């Protein structure tokens, strides 16, 4: 895997910024996260990301799984590490 792809994959595993693409107070399956790099610039990367959000409805109805997707703009520092992410 390319170094940038590895950095993005690692970042997304613990990324709280995915909450901007999901309903508040929910969680997601980390192993369901997939992404495509759409644009790369010197200090910025735009990605399309998909993941499965898990919502706890009620004890009677159980959980609901929703396929979520969106775009994130990732800011890179001078070392090429991700310093921040914004929902596009």
Protein backbone atom coordinates (compact mmCIF):
# COMPACT_ATOMS: atom_id res chain seq x y z
CA UNK A 1 0.00 0.00 0.00
CA UNK A 2 1.25 3.45 -0.89
CA UNK A 3 2.49 5.52 2.09
CA UNK A 4 -0.30 8.12 1.76
CA UNK A 5 -2.96 5.41 1.49
CA UNK A 6 -1.58 3.73 4.61
CA UNK A 7 -1.66 7.04 6.51
CA UNK A 8 -5.26 7.68 5.45
CA UNK A 9 -6.37 4.15 6.36
CA UNK A 10 -4.71 4.44 9.79
CA UNK A 11 -6.22 7.88 10.40
CA UNK A 12 -9.74 6.75 9.50
CA UNK A 13 -9.64 3.86 11.99
CA UNK A 14 -9.82 6.34 14.89
CA UNK A 15 -11.32 9.29 13.04
CA UNK A 16 -13.97 11.20 14.98
CA UNK A 17 -14.53 13.32 11.86
CA UNK A 18 -16.65 10.51 10.40
CA UNK A 19 -19.31 11.59 12.88
CA UNK A 20 -20.00 14.50 10.53
CA UNK A 21 -21.18 11.94 7.97
CA UNK A 22 -23.20 9.93 10.48
CA UNK A 23 -25.94 10.54 13.03
CA UNK A 24 -24.61 11.92 16.30
CA UNK A 25 -24.10 9.47 19.14
CA UNK A 26 -23.64 6.44 16.91
CA UNK A 27 -20.64 4.30 16.11
CA UNK A 28 -19.38 2.52 13.01
CA UNK A 29 -17.65 -0.68 12.04
CA UNK A 30 -13.99 0.26 11.64
CA UNK A 31 -13.44 -2.70 9.32
CA UNK A 32 -16.18 -1.40 6.98
CA UNK A 33 -14.33 1.83 6.15
CA UNK A 34 -13.23 2.10 2.53
CA UNK A 35 -12.00 5.18 0.68
CA UNK A 36 -10.85 6.44 -2.69
CA UNK A 37 -8.44 9.30 -3.21
CA UNK A 38 -10.13 11.84 -5.47
CA UNK A 39 -7.59 14.71 -5.47
CA UNK A 40 -4.11 15.27 -4.14
CA UNK A 41 -2.37 18.59 -3.67
CA UNK A 42 0.79 19.57 -1.82
CA UNK A 43 -0.87 19.86 1.60
CA UNK A 44 -4.39 18.55 0.97
CA UNK A 45 -6.14 15.35 -0.08
CA UNK A 46 -9.81 14.90 -0.94
CA UNK A 47 -11.22 11.42 -0.38
CA UNK A 48 -14.55 9.68 -0.84
CA UNK A 49 -15.26 7.45 2.14
CA UNK A 50 -17.87 4.78 2.91
CA UNK A 51 -18.61 2.96 6.15
CA UNK A 52 -21.39 1.18 8.02
CA UNK A 53 -22.93 3.16 10.85
CA UNK A 54 -24.46 1.23 13.74
CA UNK A 55 -27.44 2.79 15.51
CA UNK A 56 -28.89 1.41 18.70
CA UNK A 57 -32.63 1.93 18.38
CA UNK A 58 -34.38 0.44 21.41
CA UNK A 59 -33.75 -2.76 23.36
CA UNK A 60 -36.80 -4.23 21.64
CA UNK A 61 -35.86 -3.31 18.07
CA UNK A 62 -32.11 -3.93 18.35
CA UNK A 63 -29.58 -2.21 16.14
CA UNK A 64 -29.81 -0.72 12.68
CA UNK A 65 -26.94 -0.66 10.21
CA UNK A 66 -26.82 2.17 7.68
CA UNK A 67 -24.43 2.51 4.76
CA UNK A 68 -22.90 6.02 4.95
CA UNK A 69 -20.73 7.86 2.48
CA UNK A 70 -19.31 11.30 1.88
CA UNK A 71 -16.18 13.29 1.17
CA UNK A 72 -13.45 14.44 3.52
CA UNK A 73 -10.78 17.06 2.92
CA UNK A 74 -7.63 16.02 4.76
CA UNK A 75 -5.01 18.63 5.62
CA UNK A 76 -1.42 17.42 5.64
CA UNK A 77 1.43 18.80 7.71
CA UNK A 78 4.96 19.40 6.42
CA UNK A 79 5.79 15.70 6.95
CA UNK A 80 2.79 14.46 4.95
CA UNK A 81 0.88 13.35 8.06
CA UNK A 82 -2.82 14.13 8.41
CA UNK A 83 -3.34 17.02 10.79
CA UNK A 84 -7.05 17.68 10.34
CA UNK A 85 -10.11 16.53 8.39
CA UNK A 86 -13.18 18.43 7.22
CA UNK A 87 -16.42 17.12 5.77
CA UNK A 88 -16.83 18.45 2.22
